[in-house]
Amino acid sequence: MSTHRKRPPTADHPVRRRRSAQEAKAETLRVARRILLERGPDAVTLKNIAAEIGTTHTNLLHHFGTAGELQSALMLAMVNDLSAALGSTIARLDRREDVPRALVDTMFDAFDQGGAGRLAAWIALSNRLAHFDDVKSAVQNLVGAIDEKFANGDGEARDKIAAAVLFVALLAFGNAVIGQPLAAMLAREPDAVRGLAERLLPQFL
């Protein structure tokens, strides 16, 4: 009679829980975002993510198909988070005068702290611009939300709002990628670009 017993779980060999496909995808995207923030875009590989999760490269391919599709899903998740944050911010505003600061803070935080700026730069420099298709609807929704609340269907006002969103998005993106080094070169505070955006934005609205 065999006396072999199953080895009890340890820190090095934890019990693995069977996860649904949805749970596995969600965990993969959480880990991918953390790797992006901690180690940069080049570290967001199927190999690194699989090692962090404790699964195999093959399993990730099963859920996402290719590394490009995983990166696209990560971008979409970030866009959805940004869209939700901006929508929530606009919904809480009571005065048009409050839009500049709220819009600047929400967008700069998403591009910088949320990692969207670095991911967007990586995708753009890799010439995989199709991944930005999901960004389009989020930006249009933002313009529509501000327009509905403050412009009341005025076409000229909507054009100004679109210009304002473009202005802030470009500054937030640039700041996330190279803003702090440039500010240091010019002896400015690390958040100098954010302050500049807030001061200039009212000219667009």
C-alpha atoms as a PDB file:
ATOM      1  CA  MET A   1       0.000   0.000   0.000  1.00  0.00           C
ATOM      2  CA  SER A   2       1.433   3.376  -0.985  1.00  0.00           C
ATOM      3  CA  THR A   3       2.266   5.749   1.843  1.00  0.00           C
ATOM      4  CA  HIS A   4       2.733   8.749  -0.452  1.00  0.00           C
ATOM      5  CA  ARG A   5       0.845  11.798   0.777  1.00  0.00           C
ATOM      6  CA  LYS A   6       0.041  15.031  -0.986  1.00  0.00           C
ATOM      7  CA  ARG A   7       2.448  17.771   0.042  1.00  0.00           C
ATOM      8  CA  PRO A   8       0.725  20.409   2.179  1.00  0.00           C
ATOM      9  CA  PRO A   9       0.596  23.962   0.774  1.00  0.00           C
ATOM     10  CA  THR A  10       3.475  26.284   1.627  1.00  0.00           C
ATOM     11  CA  ALA A  11       4.474  29.829   0.697  1.00  0.00           C
ATOM     12  CA  ASP A  12       6.505  28.396  -2.182  1.00  0.00           C
ATOM     13  CA  HIS A  13       3.799  25.984  -3.281  1.00  0.00           C
ATOM     14  CA  PRO A  14       0.402  27.561  -2.553  1.00  0.00           C
ATOM     15  CA  VAL A  15      -2.886  25.880  -3.343  1.00  0.00           C
ATOM     16  CA  ARG A  16      -4.025  27.105  -6.735  1.00  0.00           C
ATOM     17  CA  ARG A  17      -7.644  28.135  -7.071  1.00  0.00           C
ATOM     18  CA  ARG A  18      -9.449  27.412 -10.294  1.00  0.00           C
ATOM     19  CA  ARG A  19     -10.461  30.726 -11.812  1.00  0.00           C
ATOM     20  CA  SER A  20     -13.048  31.547 -14.425  1.00  0.00           C
ATOM     21  CA  ALA A  21     -11.873  33.006 -17.727  1.00  0.00           C
ATOM     22  CA  GLN A  22     -13.227  36.418 -16.666  1.00  0.00           C
ATOM     23  CA  GLU A  23     -11.359  36.288 -13.353  1.00  0.00           C
ATOM     24  CA  ALA A  24      -8.159  35.225 -15.072  1.00  0.00           C
ATOM     25  CA  LYS A  25      -8.386  38.086 -17.571  1.00  0.00           C
ATOM     26  CA  ALA A  26      -9.094  40.618 -14.835  1.00  0.00           C
ATOM     27  CA  GLU A  27      -6.121  39.438 -12.785  1.00  0.00           C
ATOM     28  CA  THR A  28      -3.894  39.496 -15.853  1.00  0.00           C
ATOM     29  CA  LEU A  29      -4.812  43.108 -16.558  1.00  0.00           C
ATOM     30  CA  ARG A  30      -4.247  44.115 -12.921  1.00  0.00           C
ATOM     31  CA  VAL A  31      -0.792  42.568 -12.966  1.00  0.00           C
ATOM     32  CA  ALA A  32      -0.011  44.051 -16.389  1.00  0.00           C
ATOM     33  CA  ARG A  33      -0.886  47.533 -15.134  1.00  0.00           C
ATOM     34  CA  ARG A  34       1.253  47.108 -12.028  1.00  0.00           C
ATOM     35  CA  ILE A  35       4.206  45.957 -14.128  1.00  0.00           C
ATOM     36  CA  LEU A  36       3.696  48.936 -16.429  1.00  0.00           C
ATOM     37  CA  LEU A  37       3.782  51.367 -13.513  1.00  0.00           C
ATOM     38  CA  GLU A  38       6.673  49.726 -11.695  1.00  0.00           C
ATOM     39  CA  ARG A  39       8.929  48.640 -14.549  1.00  0.00           C
ATOM     40  CA  GLY A  40       7.823  50.440 -17.698  1.00  0.00           C
ATOM     41  CA  PRO A  41       6.173  49.389 -20.987  1.00  0.00           C
ATOM     42  CA  ASP A  42       8.990  47.110 -22.145  1.00  0.00           C
ATOM     43  CA  ALA A  43       8.372  44.879 -19.127  1.00  0.00           C
ATOM     44  CA  VAL A  44       4.716  44.274 -20.046  1.00  0.00           C
ATOM     45  CA  THR A  45       5.343  40.913 -21.720  1.00  0.00           C
ATOM     46  CA  LEU A  46       3.405  37.672 -21.578  1.00  0.00           C
ATOM     47  CA  LYS A  47       6.421  36.009 -19.978  1.00  0.00           C
ATOM     48  CA  ASN A  48       6.690  38.549 -17.145  1.00  0.00           C
ATOM     49  CA  ILE A  49       2.956  38.617 -16.503  1.00  0.00           C
ATOM     50  CA  ALA A  50       2.731  34.819 -16.461  1.00  0.00           C
ATOM     51  CA  ALA A  51       5.592  34.646 -13.956  1.00  0.00           C
ATOM     52  CA  GLU A  52       3.870  37.152 -11.664  1.00  0.00           C
ATOM     53  CA  ILE A  53       0.532  35.359 -11.778  1.00  0.00           C
ATOM     54  CA  GLY A  54       1.965  31.861 -11.511  1.00  0.00           C
ATOM     55  CA  THR A  55       0.583  30.592 -14.788  1.00  0.00           C
ATOM     56  CA  THR A  56       2.011  29.778 -18.196  1.00  0.00           C
ATOM     57  CA  HIS A  57       2.636  31.782 -21.327  1.00  0.00           C
ATOM     58  CA  THR A  58       0.270  29.387 -23.118  1.00  0.00           C
ATOM     59  CA  ASN A  59      -2.575  30.146 -20.714  1.00  0.00           C
ATOM     60  CA  LEU A  60      -2.267  33.864 -21.360  1.00  0.00           C
ATOM     61  CA  LEU A  61      -2.304  33.245 -25.100  1.00  0.00           C
ATOM     62  CA  HIS A  62      -5.482  31.227 -24.584  1.00  0.00           C
ATOM     63  CA  HIS A  63      -7.203  34.214 -22.965  1.00  0.00           C
ATOM     64  CA  PHE A  64      -5.834  37.054 -25.096  1.00  0.00           C
ATOM     65  CA  GLY A  65      -4.593  35.477 -28.327  1.00  0.00           C
ATOM     66  CA  THR A  66      -1.464  37.602 -28.731  1.00  0.00           C
ATOM     67  CA  ALA A  67       0.662  40.031 -26.755  1.00  0.00           C
ATOM     68  CA  GLY A  68      -0.764  42.810 -28.920  1.00  0.00           C
ATOM     69  CA  GLU A  69      -4.310  41.898 -27.956  1.00  0.00           C
ATOM     70  CA  LEU A  70      -3.351  41.888 -24.280  1.00  0.00           C
ATOM     71  CA  GLN A  71      -1.828  45.355 -24.668  1.00  0.00           C
ATOM     72  CA  SER A  72      -4.984  46.512 -26.444  1.00  0.00           C
ATOM     73  CA  ALA A  73      -7.112  45.135 -23.600  1.00  0.00           C
ATOM     74  CA  LEU A  74      -4.893  46.957 -21.099  1.00  0.00           C
ATOM     75  CA  MET A  75      -5.306  50.214 -23.003  1.00  0.00           C
ATOM     76  CA  LEU A  76      -9.083  49.702 -23.128  1.00  0.00           C
ATOM     77  CA  ALA A  77      -9.191  49.071 -19.361  1.00  0.00           C
ATOM     78  CA  MET A  78      -7.244  52.274 -18.753  1.00  0.00           C
ATOM     79  CA  VAL A  79      -9.467  54.225 -21.140  1.00  0.00           C
ATOM     80  CA  ASN A  80     -12.572  52.895 -19.394  1.00  0.00           C
ATOM     81  CA  ASP A  81     -11.163  53.933 -16.021  1.00  0.00           C
ATOM     82  CA  LEU A  82     -10.315  57.381 -17.364  1.00  0.00           C
ATOM     83  CA  SER A  83     -13.740  57.761 -18.957  1.00  0.00           C
ATOM     84  CA  ALA A  84     -15.492  56.727 -15.736  1.00  0.00           C
ATOM     85  CA  ALA A  85     -13.347  59.089 -13.637  1.00  0.00           C
ATOM     86  CA  LEU A  86     -13.956  62.014 -15.982  1.00  0.00           C
ATOM     87  CA  GLY A  87     -17.677  61.296 -16.182  1.00  0.00           C
ATOM     88  CA  SER A  88     -17.916  61.149 -12.403  1.00  0.00           C
ATOM     89  CA  THR A  89     -15.942  64.375 -12.087  1.00  0.00           C
ATOM     90  CA  ILE A  90     -18.127  66.269 -14.559  1.00  0.00           C
ATOM     91  CA  ALA A  91     -21.313  64.943 -12.939  1.00  0.00           C
ATOM     92  CA  ARG A  92     -20.260  66.448  -9.596  1.00  0.00           C
ATOM     93  CA  LEU A  93     -19.597  69.911 -11.004  1.00  0.00           C
ATOM     94  CA  ASP A  94     -22.158  72.648 -10.511  1.00  0.00           C
ATOM     95  CA  ARG A  95     -20.417  75.556 -12.216  1.00  0.00           C
ATOM     96  CA  ARG A  96     -18.731  75.908 -15.582  1.00  0.00           C
ATOM     97  CA  GLU A  97     -15.886  77.725 -13.813  1.00  0.00           C
ATOM     98  CA  ASP A  98     -15.003  74.519 -11.948  1.00  0.00           C
ATOM     99  CA  VAL A  99     -14.392  72.531 -15.150  1.00  0.00           C
ATOM    100  CA  PRO A 100     -10.743  73.555 -15.803  1.00  0.00           C
ATOM    101  CA  ARG A 101      -9.288  72.372 -12.494  1.00  0.00           C
ATOM    102  CA  ALA A 102     -11.387  69.197 -12.372  1.00  0.00           C
ATOM    103  CA  LEU A 103     -10.589  68.287 -15.977  1.00  0.00           C
ATOM    104  CA  VAL A 104      -6.871  68.944 -15.559  1.00  0.00           C
ATOM    105  CA  ASP A 105      -6.529  66.991 -12.308  1.00  0.00           C
ATOM    106  CA  THR A 106      -8.497  63.962 -13.494  1.00  0.00           C
ATOM    107  CA  MET A 107      -6.738  63.693 -16.842  1.00  0.00           C
ATOM    108  CA  PHE A 108      -3.231  64.361 -15.508  1.00  0.00           C
ATOM    109  CA  ASP A 109      -3.723  61.768 -12.744  1.00  0.00           C
ATOM    110  CA  ALA A 110      -4.881  59.154 -15.246  1.00  0.00           C
ATOM    111  CA  PHE A 111      -2.018  59.731 -17.668  1.00  0.00           C
ATOM    112  CA  ASP A 112       0.633  59.919 -14.953  1.00  0.00           C
ATOM    113  CA  GLN A 113      -0.359  57.885 -11.882  1.00  0.00           C
ATOM    114  CA  GLY A 114      -2.614  55.564 -13.872  1.00  0.00           C
ATOM    115  CA  GLY A 115       0.109  54.794 -16.421  1.00  0.00           C
ATOM    116  CA  ALA A 116      -1.954  55.642 -19.509  1.00  0.00           C
ATOM    117  CA  GLY A 117       0.636  58.120 -20.767  1.00  0.00           C
ATOM    118  CA  ARG A 118       3.454  55.605 -20.859  1.00  0.00           C
ATOM    119  CA  LEU A 119       1.302  52.941 -22.443  1.00  0.00           C
ATOM    120  CA  ALA A 120       0.010  55.383 -25.069  1.00  0.00           C
ATOM    121  CA  ALA A 121       3.555  56.467 -25.932  1.00  0.00           C
ATOM    122  CA  TRP A 122       4.646  52.860 -26.282  1.00  0.00           C
ATOM    123  CA  ILE A 123       1.757  52.000 -28.589  1.00  0.00           C
ATOM    124  CA  ALA A 124       2.238  55.138 -30.688  1.00  0.00           C
ATOM    125  CA  LEU A 125       5.982  54.622 -31.106  1.00  0.00           C
ATOM    126  CA  SER A 126       5.330  51.005 -32.071  1.00  0.00           C
ATOM    127  CA  ASN A 127       3.014  52.297 -34.823  1.00  0.00           C
ATOM    128  CA  ARG A 128       0.087  50.228 -33.553  1.00  0.00           C
ATOM    129  CA  LEU A 129      -2.368  53.101 -33.751  1.00  0.00           C
ATOM    130  CA  ALA A 130      -5.379  50.816 -34.172  1.00  0.00           C
ATOM    131  CA  HIS A 131      -5.173  50.283 -30.408  1.00  0.00           C
ATOM    132  CA  PHE A 132      -6.336  53.882 -30.002  1.00  0.00           C
ATOM    133  CA  ASP A 133      -9.743  53.207 -31.544  1.00  0.00           C
ATOM    134  CA  ASP A 134     -11.211  52.701 -28.075  1.00  0.00           C
ATOM    135  CA  VAL A 135      -9.830  56.053 -26.934  1.00  0.00           C
ATOM    136  CA  LYS A 136     -11.925  57.837 -29.554  1.00  0.00           C
ATOM    137  CA  SER A 137     -15.286  56.985 -27.994  1.00  0.00           C
ATOM    138  CA  ALA A 138     -14.049  57.883 -24.500  1.00  0.00           C
ATOM    139  CA  VAL A 139     -12.902  61.318 -25.664  1.00  0.00           C
ATOM    140  CA  GLN A 140     -16.130  61.925 -27.559  1.00  0.00           C
ATOM    141  CA  ASN A 141     -18.146  60.905 -24.505  1.00  0.00           C
ATOM    142  CA  LEU A 142     -16.207  63.385 -22.395  1.00  0.00           C
ATOM    143  CA  VAL A 143     -16.860  66.237 -24.829  1.00  0.00           C
ATOM    144  CA  GLY A 144     -20.520  65.232 -24.940  1.00  0.00           C
ATOM    145  CA  ALA A 145     -20.818  65.149 -21.138  1.00  0.00           C
ATOM    146  CA  ILE A 146     -19.380  68.647 -20.713  1.00  0.00           C
ATOM    147  CA  ASP A 147     -21.449  69.928 -23.628  1.00  0.00           C
ATOM    148  CA  GLU A 148     -24.672  68.492 -22.231  1.00  0.00           C
ATOM    149  CA  LYS A 149     -24.089  69.988 -18.794  1.00  0.00           C
ATOM    150  CA  PHE A 150     -22.733  73.410 -19.671  1.00  0.00           C
ATOM    151  CA  ALA A 151     -23.089  74.218 -23.387  1.00  0.00           C
ATOM    152  CA  ASN A 152     -26.748  73.290 -23.951  1.00  0.00           C
ATOM    153  CA  GLY A 153     -26.232  72.198 -27.543  1.00  0.00           C
ATOM    154  CA  ASP A 154     -24.417  75.347 -28.642  1.00  0.00           C
ATOM    155  CA  GLY A 155     -22.297  74.173 -31.586  1.00  0.00           C
ATOM    156  CA  GLU A 156     -19.635  76.846 -31.107  1.00  0.00           C
ATOM    157  CA  ALA A 157     -19.346  75.989 -27.427  1.00  0.00           C
ATOM    158  CA  ARG A 158     -18.966  72.300 -28.251  1.00  0.00           C
ATOM    159  CA  ASP A 159     -16.086  73.118 -30.611  1.00  0.00           C
ATOM    160  CA  LYS A 160     -14.403  75.035 -27.791  1.00  0.00           C
ATOM    161  CA  ILE A 161     -14.901  72.107 -25.425  1.00  0.00           C
ATOM    162  CA  ALA A 162     -13.340  69.720 -27.954  1.00  0.00           C
ATOM    163  CA  ALA A 163     -10.359  72.072 -28.291  1.00  0.00           C
ATOM    164  CA  ALA A 164     -10.043  72.220 -24.493  1.00  0.00           C
ATOM    165  CA  VAL A 165     -10.041  68.425 -24.178  1.00  0.00           C
ATOM    166  CA  LEU A 166      -7.425  68.161 -26.934  1.00  0.00           C
ATOM    167  CA  PHE A 167      -5.263  70.750 -25.186  1.00  0.00           C
ATOM    168  CA  VAL A 168      -5.420  69.064 -21.781  1.00  0.00           C
ATOM    169  CA  ALA A 169      -4.942  65.566 -23.194  1.00  0.00           C
ATOM    170  CA  LEU A 170      -1.823  66.612 -25.091  1.00  0.00           C
ATOM    171  CA  LEU A 171      -0.325  68.324 -22.045  1.00  0.00           C
ATOM    172  CA  ALA A 172      -1.211  65.414 -19.762  1.00  0.00           C
ATOM    173  CA  PHE A 173       0.304  62.934 -22.195  1.00  0.00           C
ATOM    174  CA  GLY A 174       3.489  64.935 -22.662  1.00  0.00           C
ATOM    175  CA  ASN A 175       3.821  65.536 -18.943  1.00  0.00           C
ATOM    176  CA  ALA A 176       3.490  61.829 -18.185  1.00  0.00           C
ATOM    177  CA  VAL A 177       6.197  60.947 -20.694  1.00  0.00           C
ATOM    178  CA  ILE A 178       8.795  63.673 -20.192  1.00  0.00           C
ATOM    179  CA  GLY A 179       7.258  66.505 -18.166  1.00  0.00           C
ATOM    180  CA  GLN A 180       9.259  66.136 -14.958  1.00  0.00           C
ATOM    181  CA  PRO A 181      12.711  65.913 -16.617  1.00  0.00           C
ATOM    182  CA  LEU A 182      11.906  68.974 -18.732  1.00  0.00           C
ATOM    183  CA  ALA A 183      10.643  70.889 -15.704  1.00  0.00           C
ATOM    184  CA  ALA A 184      13.858  70.059 -13.856  1.00  0.00           C
ATOM    185  CA  MET A 185      15.963  71.265 -16.812  1.00  0.00           C
ATOM    186  CA  LEU A 186      14.157  74.605 -16.654  1.00  0.00           C
ATOM    187  CA  ALA A 187      14.250  74.812 -12.843  1.00  0.00           C
ATOM    188  CA  ARG A 188      10.479  74.454 -12.536  1.00  0.00           C
ATOM    189  CA  GLU A 189       8.405  72.519 -10.008  1.00  0.00           C
ATOM    190  CA  PRO A 190       7.496  68.912 -10.959  1.00  0.00           C
ATOM    191  CA  ASP A 191       3.823  69.880 -11.387  1.00  0.00           C
ATOM    192  CA  ALA A 192       4.582  72.984 -13.454  1.00  0.00           C
ATOM    193  CA  VAL A 193       2.830  71.637 -16.570  1.00  0.00           C
ATOM    194  CA  ARG A 194      -0.319  70.842 -14.585  1.00  0.00           C
ATOM    195  CA  GLY A 195      -0.391  74.409 -13.293  1.00  0.00           C
ATOM    196  CA  LEU A 196       0.160  75.758 -16.798  1.00  0.00           C
ATOM    197  CA  ALA A 197      -2.744  73.691 -18.131  1.00  0.00           C
ATOM    198  CA  GLU A 198      -5.041  74.967 -15.402  1.00  0.00           C
ATOM    199  CA  ARG A 199      -4.137  78.604 -16.096  1.00  0.00           C
ATOM    200  CA  LEU A 200      -4.532  78.373 -19.859  1.00  0.00           C
ATOM    201  CA  LEU A 201      -7.564  76.086 -20.108  1.00  0.00           C
ATOM    202  CA  PRO A 202     -10.197  78.801 -19.352  1.00  0.00           C
ATOM    203  CA  GLN A 203      -9.218  80.499 -22.622  1.00  0.00           C
ATOM    204  CA  PHE A 204     -10.709  77.511 -24.445  1.00  0.00           C
ATOM    205  CA  LEU A 205     -14.005  77.429 -22.556  1.00  0.00           C
END
